[in-house]
PDB file of N, CA and C in Angstrom:
ATOM      1  N   MET A   1       0.854  -1.155   0.000  1.00  0.00           N
ATOM      2  CA  MET A   1       0.000   0.000   0.000  1.00  0.00           C
ATOM      3  C   MET A   1       0.906   1.225   0.000  1.00  0.00           C
ATOM      4  N   GLU A   2       0.593   2.172  -0.850  1.00  0.00           N
ATOM      5  CA  GLU A   2       1.437   3.354  -0.990  1.00  0.00           C
ATOM      6  C   GLU A   2       0.601   4.613  -0.854  1.00  0.00           C
ATOM      7  N   GLN A   3       1.058   5.537   0.012  1.00  0.00           N
ATOM      8  CA  GLN A   3       0.351   6.805   0.192  1.00  0.00           C
ATOM      9  C   GLN A   3       0.596   7.692  -1.020  1.00  0.00           C
ATOM     10  N   VAL A   4      -0.476   8.310  -1.529  1.00  0.00           N
ATOM     11  CA  VAL A   4      -0.337   9.157  -2.710  1.00  0.00           C
ATOM     12  C   VAL A   4      -0.636  10.619  -2.453  1.00  0.00           C
ATOM     13  N   GLY A   5      -1.258  10.972  -1.372  1.00  0.00           N
ATOM     14  CA  GLY A   5      -1.553  12.371  -1.089  1.00  0.00           C
ATOM     15  C   GLY A   5      -1.586  12.618   0.400  1.00  0.00           C
ATOM     16  N   LYS A   6      -0.740  13.520   0.889  1.00  0.00           N
ATOM     17  CA  LYS A   6      -0.679  13.767   2.329  1.00  0.00           C
ATOM     18  C   LYS A   6      -1.921  14.497   2.830  1.00  0.00           C
ATOM     19  N   GLU A   7      -2.459  15.451   2.044  1.00  0.00           N
ATOM     20  CA  GLU A   7      -3.621  16.206   2.492  1.00  0.00           C
ATOM     21  C   GLU A   7      -4.855  15.322   2.597  1.00  0.00           C
ATOM     22  N   GLU A   8      -5.070  14.470   1.626  1.00  0.00           N
ATOM     23  CA  GLU A   8      -6.282  13.663   1.566  1.00  0.00           C
ATOM     24  C   GLU A   8      -6.120  12.303   2.219  1.00  0.00           C
ATOM     25  N   GLN A   9      -4.907  11.918   2.586  1.00  0.00           N
ATOM     26  CA  GLN A   9      -4.638  10.605   3.152  1.00  0.00           C
ATOM     27  C   GLN A   9      -5.176   9.490   2.251  1.00  0.00           C
ATOM     28  N   GLN A  10      -4.833   9.551   0.981  1.00  0.00           N
ATOM     29  CA  GLN A  10      -5.247   8.541   0.017  1.00  0.00           C
ATOM     30  C   GLN A  10      -4.097   7.568  -0.230  1.00  0.00           C
ATOM     31  N   TYR A  11      -4.436   6.300  -0.358  1.00  0.00           N
ATOM     32  CA  TYR A  11      -3.456   5.252  -0.590  1.00  0.00           C
ATOM     33  C   TYR A  11      -3.872   4.441  -1.806  1.00  0.00           C
ATOM     34  N   ASP A  12      -2.926   3.719  -2.388  1.00  0.00           N
ATOM     35  CA  ASP A  12      -3.193   2.847  -3.531  1.00  0.00           C
ATOM     36  C   ASP A  12      -2.814   1.417  -3.213  1.00  0.00           C
ATOM     37  N   ILE A  13      -3.599   0.483  -3.748  1.00  0.00           N
ATOM     38  CA  ILE A  13      -3.229  -0.935  -3.788  1.00  0.00           C
ATOM     39  C   ILE A  13      -3.250  -1.326  -5.256  1.00  0.00           C
ATOM     40  N   LEU A  14      -2.126  -1.795  -5.764  1.00  0.00           N
ATOM     41  CA  LEU A  14      -2.058  -2.210  -7.162  1.00  0.00           C
ATOM     42  C   LEU A  14      -2.921  -3.438  -7.404  1.00  0.00           C
ATOM     43  N   ILE A  15      -3.552  -3.446  -8.565  1.00  0.00           N
ATOM     44  CA  ILE A  15      -4.321  -4.606  -9.009  1.00  0.00           C
ATOM     45  C   ILE A  15      -3.429  -5.341  -9.995  1.00  0.00           C
ATOM     46  N   LEU A  16      -2.953  -6.481  -9.605  1.00  0.00           N
ATOM     47  CA  LEU A  16      -2.008  -7.205 -10.441  1.00  0.00           C
ATOM     48  C   LEU A  16      -2.680  -7.755 -11.694  1.00  0.00           C
ATOM     49  N   PRO A  17      -1.934  -7.828 -12.791  1.00  0.00           N
ATOM     50  CA  PRO A  17      -2.504  -8.429 -14.003  1.00  0.00           C
ATOM     51  C   PRO A  17      -3.016  -9.837 -13.703  1.00  0.00           C
ATOM     52  N   GLY A  18      -4.162 -10.164 -14.258  1.00  0.00           N
ATOM     53  CA  GLY A  18      -4.745 -11.478 -14.051  1.00  0.00           C
ATOM     54  C   GLY A  18      -5.899 -11.491 -13.064  1.00  0.00           C
ATOM     55  N   VAL A  19      -6.086 -10.395 -12.312  1.00  0.00           N
ATOM     56  CA  VAL A  19      -7.235 -10.329 -11.406  1.00  0.00           C
ATOM     57  C   VAL A  19      -8.485 -10.241 -12.273  1.00  0.00           C
ATOM     58  N   PRO A  20      -9.457 -11.119 -12.054  1.00  0.00           N
ATOM     59  CA  PRO A  20     -10.652 -11.123 -12.898  1.00  0.00           C
ATOM     60  C   PRO A  20     -11.393  -9.780 -12.864  1.00  0.00           C
ATOM     61  N   GLN A  21     -11.852  -9.360 -14.028  1.00  0.00           N
ATOM     62  CA  GLN A  21     -12.585  -8.091 -14.157  1.00  0.00           C
ATOM     63  C   GLN A  21     -13.803  -8.075 -13.234  1.00  0.00           C
ATOM     64  N   LYS A  22     -14.460  -9.210 -13.114  1.00  0.00           N
ATOM     65  CA  LYS A  22     -15.635  -9.333 -12.251  1.00  0.00           C
ATOM     66  C   LYS A  22     -15.297  -8.947 -10.808  1.00  0.00           C
ATOM     67  N   LEU A  23     -14.126  -9.360 -10.334  1.00  0.00           N
ATOM     68  CA  LEU A  23     -13.708  -9.037  -8.968  1.00  0.00           C
ATOM     69  C   LEU A  23     -13.397  -7.549  -8.828  1.00  0.00           C
ATOM     70  N   ILE A  24     -12.782  -6.961  -9.824  1.00  0.00           N
ATOM     71  CA  ILE A  24     -12.476  -5.525  -9.797  1.00  0.00           C
ATOM     72  C   ILE A  24     -13.769  -4.719  -9.694  1.00  0.00           C
ATOM     73  N   VAL A  25     -14.759  -5.078 -10.513  1.00  0.00           N
ATOM     74  CA  VAL A  25     -16.050  -4.388 -10.482  1.00  0.00           C
ATOM     75  C   VAL A  25     -16.731  -4.606  -9.135  1.00  0.00           C
ATOM     76  N   ASP A  26     -16.701  -5.839  -8.634  1.00  0.00           N
ATOM     77  CA  ASP A  26     -17.310  -6.170  -7.348  1.00  0.00           C
ATOM     78  C   ASP A  26     -16.726  -5.306  -6.233  1.00  0.00           C
ATOM     79  N   ILE A  27     -15.419  -5.196  -6.174  1.00  0.00           N
ATOM     80  CA  ILE A  27     -14.754  -4.405  -5.130  1.00  0.00           C
ATOM     81  C   ILE A  27     -15.115  -2.935  -5.264  1.00  0.00           C
ATOM     82  N   SER A  28     -15.126  -2.411  -6.492  1.00  0.00           N
ATOM     83  CA  SER A  28     -15.423  -0.985  -6.679  1.00  0.00           C
ATOM     84  C   SER A  28     -16.864  -0.663  -6.283  1.00  0.00           C
ATOM     85  N   GLU A  29     -17.761  -1.652  -6.340  1.00  0.00           N
ATOM     86  CA  GLU A  29     -19.152  -1.435  -5.939  1.00  0.00           C
ATOM     87  C   GLU A  29     -19.360  -1.630  -4.435  1.00  0.00           C
ATOM     88  N   LYS A  30     -18.582  -2.515  -3.806  1.00  0.00           N
ATOM     89  CA  LYS A  30     -18.762  -2.826  -2.384  1.00  0.00           C
ATOM     90  C   LYS A  30     -18.033  -1.865  -1.456  1.00  0.00           C
ATOM     91  N   PHE A  31     -16.946  -1.291  -1.928  1.00  0.00           N
ATOM     92  CA  PHE A  31     -16.101  -0.464  -1.070  1.00  0.00           C
ATOM     93  C   PHE A  31     -15.995   0.953  -1.632  1.00  0.00           C
ATOM     94  N   ASP A  32     -15.708   1.893  -0.747  1.00  0.00           N
ATOM     95  CA  ASP A  32     -15.562   3.295  -1.142  1.00  0.00           C
ATOM     96  C   ASP A  32     -14.146   3.529  -1.682  1.00  0.00           C
ATOM     97  N   VAL A  33     -13.910   3.042  -2.899  1.00  0.00           N
ATOM     98  CA  VAL A  33     -12.612   3.200  -3.560  1.00  0.00           C
ATOM     99  C   VAL A  33     -12.837   3.649  -4.996  1.00  0.00           C
ATOM    100  N   SER A  34     -11.805   4.222  -5.569  1.00  0.00           N
ATOM    101  CA  SER A  34     -11.841   4.522  -6.997  1.00  0.00           C
ATOM    102  C   SER A  34     -10.765   3.689  -7.676  1.00  0.00           C
ATOM    103  N   ILE A  35     -10.926   3.503  -8.975  1.00  0.00           N
ATOM    104  CA  ILE A  35      -9.934   2.775  -9.762  1.00  0.00           C
ATOM    105  C   ILE A  35      -9.132   3.793 -10.539  1.00  0.00           C
ATOM    106  N   VAL A  36      -7.821   3.724 -10.409  1.00  0.00           N
ATOM    107  CA  VAL A  36      -6.925   4.669 -11.071  1.00  0.00           C
ATOM    108  C   VAL A  36      -5.857   3.909 -11.844  1.00  0.00           C
ATOM    109  N   GLU A  37      -5.189   4.600 -12.761  1.00  0.00           N
ATOM    110  CA  GLU A  37      -4.063   4.017 -13.494  1.00  0.00           C
ATOM    111  C   GLU A  37      -2.768   4.527 -12.885  1.00  0.00           C
ATOM    112  N   ARG A  38      -1.787   3.627 -12.793  1.00  0.00           N
ATOM    113  CA  ARG A  38      -0.471   3.995 -12.278  1.00  0.00           C
ATOM    114  C   ARG A  38       0.597   3.376 -13.146  1.00  0.00           C
ATOM    115  N   LYS A  39       1.639   4.144 -13.422  1.00  0.00           N
ATOM    116  CA  LYS A  39       2.810   3.599 -14.106  1.00  0.00           C
ATOM    117  C   LYS A  39       3.720   2.997 -13.050  1.00  0.00           C
ATOM    118  N   GLU A  40       4.093   1.761 -13.280  1.00  0.00           N
ATOM    119  CA  GLU A  40       4.977   1.065 -12.350  1.00  0.00           C
ATOM    120  C   GLU A  40       6.070   0.351 -13.135  1.00  0.00           C
ATOM    121  N   LYS A  41       7.268   0.338 -12.567  1.00  0.00           N
ATOM    122  CA  LYS A  41       8.355  -0.417 -13.173  1.00  0.00           C
ATOM    123  C   LYS A  41       8.182  -1.887 -12.825  1.00  0.00           C
ATOM    124  N   ILE A  42       8.312  -2.719 -13.826  1.00  0.00           N
ATOM    125  CA  ILE A  42       8.192  -4.158 -13.649  1.00  0.00           C
ATOM    126  C   ILE A  42       9.592  -4.732 -13.448  1.00  0.00           C
ATOM    127  N   LYS A  43       9.747  -5.588 -12.446  1.00  0.00           N
ATOM    128  CA  LYS A  43      11.068  -6.137 -12.132  1.00  0.00           C
ATOM    129  C   LYS A  43      11.016  -7.649 -12.027  1.00  0.00           C
ATOM    130  N   PHE A  44      10.752  -8.312 -13.144  1.00  0.00           N
ATOM    131  CA  PHE A  44      10.834  -9.768 -13.152  1.00  0.00           C
ATOM    132  C   PHE A  44      11.068 -10.255 -14.573  1.00  0.00           C
ATOM    133  N   ALA A  45      11.609 -11.441 -14.671  1.00  0.00           N
ATOM    134  CA  ALA A  45      11.888 -12.102 -15.959  1.00  0.00           C
ATOM    135  C   ALA A  45      12.622 -11.155 -16.898  1.00  0.00           C
ATOM    136  N   ASN A  46      12.168 -11.067 -18.142  1.00  0.00           N
ATOM    137  CA  ASN A  46      12.855 -10.237 -19.131  1.00  0.00           C
ATOM    138  C   ASN A  46      12.272  -8.828 -19.192  1.00  0.00           C
ATOM    139  N   MET A  47      11.492  -8.417 -18.187  1.00  0.00           N
ATOM    140  CA  MET A  47      10.878  -7.091 -18.177  1.00  0.00           C
ATOM    141  C   MET A  47      11.531  -6.175 -17.159  1.00  0.00           C
ATOM    142  N   ASP A  48      12.724  -6.462 -16.733  1.00  0.00           N
ATOM    143  CA  ASP A  48      13.377  -5.688 -15.691  1.00  0.00           C
ATOM    144  C   ASP A  48      13.494  -4.220 -16.102  1.00  0.00           C
ATOM    145  N   GLY A  49      12.808  -3.356 -15.373  1.00  0.00           N
ATOM    146  CA  GLY A  49      12.880  -1.925 -15.639  1.00  0.00           C
ATOM    147  C   GLY A  49      11.820  -1.402 -16.595  1.00  0.00           C
ATOM    148  N   ASP A  50      11.072  -2.283 -17.263  1.00  0.00           N
ATOM    149  CA  ASP A  50       9.996  -1.827 -18.152  1.00  0.00           C
ATOM    150  C   ASP A  50       8.912  -1.155 -17.318  1.00  0.00           C
ATOM    151  N   GLU A  51       8.351  -0.068 -17.849  1.00  0.00           N
ATOM    152  CA  GLU A  51       7.224   0.584 -17.188  1.00  0.00           C
ATOM    153  C   GLU A  51       5.925   0.130 -17.818  1.00  0.00           C
ATOM    154  N   ARG A  52       4.953  -0.181 -16.982  1.00  0.00           N
ATOM    155  CA  ARG A  52       3.639  -0.628 -17.436  1.00  0.00           C
ATOM    156  C   ARG A  52       2.562   0.181 -16.743  1.00  0.00           C
ATOM    157  N   GLU A  53       1.463   0.399 -17.451  1.00  0.00           N
ATOM    158  CA  GLU A  53       0.279   1.014 -16.850  1.00  0.00           C
ATOM    159  C   GLU A  53      -0.487  -0.078 -16.113  1.00  0.00           C
ATOM    160  N   LEU A  54      -0.624   0.085 -14.823  1.00  0.00           N
ATOM    161  CA  LEU A  54      -1.373  -0.869 -14.017  1.00  0.00           C
ATOM    162  C   LEU A  54      -2.555  -0.157 -13.371  1.00  0.00           C
ATOM    163  N   LEU A  55      -3.578  -0.916 -13.047  1.00  0.00           N
ATOM    164  CA  LEU A  55      -4.718  -0.372 -12.326  1.00  0.00           C
ATOM    165  C   LEU A  55      -4.454  -0.482 -10.829  1.00  0.00           C
ATOM    166  N   ALA A  56      -5.076   0.419 -10.078  1.00  0.00           N
ATOM    167  CA  ALA A  56      -4.968   0.382  -8.622  1.00  0.00           C
ATOM    168  C   ALA A  56      -6.286   0.830  -8.015  1.00  0.00           C
ATOM    169  N   PHE A  57      -6.561   0.334  -6.820  1.00  0.00           N
ATOM    170  CA  PHE A  57      -7.657   0.864  -6.024  1.00  0.00           C
ATOM    171  C   PHE A  57      -7.090   2.002  -5.195  1.00  0.00           C
ATOM    172  N   ARG A  58      -7.810   3.127  -5.121  1.00  0.00           N
ATOM    173  CA  ARG A  58      -7.371   4.276  -4.330  1.00  0.00           C
ATOM    174  C   ARG A  58      -8.443   4.609  -3.309  1.00  0.00           C
ATOM    175  N   GLY A  59      -8.000   4.814  -2.063  1.00  0.00           N
ATOM    176  CA  GLY A  59      -8.939   5.171  -1.008  1.00  0.00           C
ATOM    177  C   GLY A  59      -8.226   5.348   0.316  1.00  0.00           C
ATOM    178  N   LYS A  60      -9.021   5.414   1.370  1.00  0.00           N
ATOM    179  CA  LYS A  60      -8.466   5.561   2.719  1.00  0.00           C
ATOM    180  C   LYS A  60      -7.818   4.252   3.153  1.00  0.00           C
ATOM    181  N   LYS A  61      -6.806   4.374   3.992  1.00  0.00           N
ATOM    182  CA  LYS A  61      -6.028   3.211   4.421  1.00  0.00           C
ATOM    183  C   LYS A  61      -6.897   2.127   5.042  1.00  0.00           C
ATOM    184  N   GLU A  62      -7.830   2.509   5.924  1.00  0.00           N
ATOM    185  CA  GLU A  62      -8.678   1.529   6.600  1.00  0.00           C
ATOM    186  C   GLU A  62      -9.524   0.745   5.593  1.00  0.00           C
ATOM    187  N   ILE A  63     -10.035   1.442   4.592  1.00  0.00           N
ATOM    188  CA  ILE A  63     -10.857   0.791   3.568  1.00  0.00           C
ATOM    189  C   ILE A  63      -9.999  -0.143   2.722  1.00  0.00           C
ATOM    190  N   LEU A  64      -8.809   0.320   2.351  1.00  0.00           N
ATOM    191  CA  LEU A  64      -7.934  -0.498   1.506  1.00  0.00           C
ATOM    192  C   LEU A  64      -7.435  -1.748   2.235  1.00  0.00           C
ATOM    193  N   GLU A  65      -7.318  -1.680   3.538  1.00  0.00           N
ATOM    194  CA  GLU A  65      -6.968  -2.889   4.298  1.00  0.00           C
ATOM    195  C   GLU A  65      -8.080  -3.922   4.163  1.00  0.00           C
ATOM    196  N   GLN A  66      -9.334  -3.465   4.196  1.00  0.00           N
ATOM    197  CA  GLN A  66     -10.471  -4.369   3.993  1.00  0.00           C
ATOM    198  C   GLN A  66     -10.487  -4.907   2.565  1.00  0.00           C
ATOM    199  N   VAL A  67     -10.206  -4.016   1.604  1.00  0.00           N
ATOM    200  CA  VAL A  67     -10.175  -4.407   0.192  1.00  0.00           C
ATOM    201  C   VAL A  67      -9.123  -5.480  -0.034  1.00  0.00           C
ATOM    202  N   GLU A  68      -7.944  -5.276   0.530  1.00  0.00           N
ATOM    203  CA  GLU A  68      -6.856  -6.233   0.349  1.00  0.00           C
ATOM    204  C   GLU A  68      -7.247  -7.614   0.890  1.00  0.00           C
ATOM    205  N   LYS A  69      -7.824  -7.647   2.080  1.00  0.00           N
ATOM    206  CA  LYS A  69      -8.248  -8.915   2.685  1.00  0.00           C
ATOM    207  C   LYS A  69      -9.328  -9.576   1.820  1.00  0.00           C
ATOM    208  N   TYR A  70     -10.311  -8.804   1.399  1.00  0.00           N
ATOM    209  CA  TYR A  70     -11.404  -9.331   0.585  1.00  0.00           C
ATOM    210  C   TYR A  70     -10.883  -9.853  -0.754  1.00  0.00           C
ATOM    211  N   MET A  71      -9.992  -9.081  -1.404  1.00  0.00           N
ATOM    212  CA  MET A  71      -9.464  -9.481  -2.702  1.00  0.00           C
ATOM    213  C   MET A  71      -8.693 -10.792  -2.597  1.00  0.00           C
ATOM    214  N   ILE A  72      -7.888 -10.951  -1.575  1.00  0.00           N
ATOM    215  CA  ILE A  72      -7.118 -12.185  -1.391  1.00  0.00           C
ATOM    216  C   ILE A  72      -8.058 -13.369  -1.155  1.00  0.00           C
ATOM    217  N   GLU A  73      -9.082 -13.162  -0.316  1.00  0.00           N
ATOM    218  CA  GLU A  73     -10.053 -14.237  -0.066  1.00  0.00           C
ATOM    219  C   GLU A  73     -10.753 -14.652  -1.355  1.00  0.00           C
ATOM    220  N   GLN A  74     -11.186 -13.663  -2.142  1.00  0.00           N
ATOM    221  CA  GLN A  74     -11.904 -13.955  -3.380  1.00  0.00           C
ATOM    222  C   GLN A  74     -10.996 -14.637  -4.407  1.00  0.00           C
ATOM    223  N   LEU A  75      -9.739 -14.210  -4.496  1.00  0.00           N
ATOM    224  CA  LEU A  75      -8.801 -14.837  -5.417  1.00  0.00           C
ATOM    225  C   LEU A  75      -8.522 -16.282  -5.013  1.00  0.00           C
ATOM    226  N   ASN A  76      -8.393 -16.519  -3.712  1.00  0.00           N
ATOM    227  CA  ASN A  76      -8.192 -17.888  -3.227  1.00  0.00           C
ATOM    228  C   ASN A  76      -9.386 -18.763  -3.581  1.00  0.00           C
ATOM    229  N   ASP A  77     -10.598 -18.234  -3.395  1.00  0.00           N
ATOM    230  CA  ASP A  77     -11.803 -18.989  -3.762  1.00  0.00           C
ATOM    231  C   ASP A  77     -11.840 -19.258  -5.264  1.00  0.00           C
ATOM    232  N   PHE A  78     -11.468 -18.258  -6.062  1.00  0.00           N
ATOM    233  CA  PHE A  78     -11.460 -18.383  -7.516  1.00  0.00           C
ATOM    234  C   PHE A  78     -10.500 -19.490  -7.959  1.00  0.00           C
ATOM    235  N   VAL A  79      -9.323 -19.528  -7.333  1.00  0.00           N
ATOM    236  CA  VAL A  79      -8.312 -20.547  -7.696  1.00  0.00           C
ATOM    237  C   VAL A  79      -8.790 -21.930  -7.286  1.00  0.00           C
ATOM    238  N   ARG A  80      -9.405 -22.044  -6.125  1.00  0.00           N
ATOM    239  CA  ARG A  80      -9.893 -23.346  -5.653  1.00  0.00           C
ATOM    240  C   ARG A  80     -10.997 -23.905  -6.545  1.00  0.00           C
ATOM    241  N   GLU A  81     -11.788 -23.012  -7.167  1.00  0.00           N
ATOM    242  CA  GLU A  81     -12.881 -23.449  -8.060  1.00  0.00           C
ATOM    243  C   GLU A  81     -12.362 -24.004  -9.363  1.00  0.00           C
ATOM    244  N   LYS A  82     -11.175 -23.620  -9.792  1.00  0.00           N
ATOM    245  CA  LYS A  82     -10.642 -24.035 -11.098  1.00  0.00           C
ATOM    246  C   LYS A  82     -10.032 -25.392 -11.051  1.00  0.00           C
TER     247      LYS A  82
END
């Protein structure tokens, strides 16, 4: 989680590639967050240093802690179903 604005106390949680669109929409409807784009450097395999546009959830820290827990639970359930 990364703080993006000191005045507003807004934080971001990156949405990693591969997270189902259905889950992204579900989270944006259940929690008080917005979806934003962020440029991030990728550091794995043959993409070391490449910049990519990634999506992130932006909101208050307390809300994003709930989002993170919910997203992990839902992803675990999604993997178990496959």
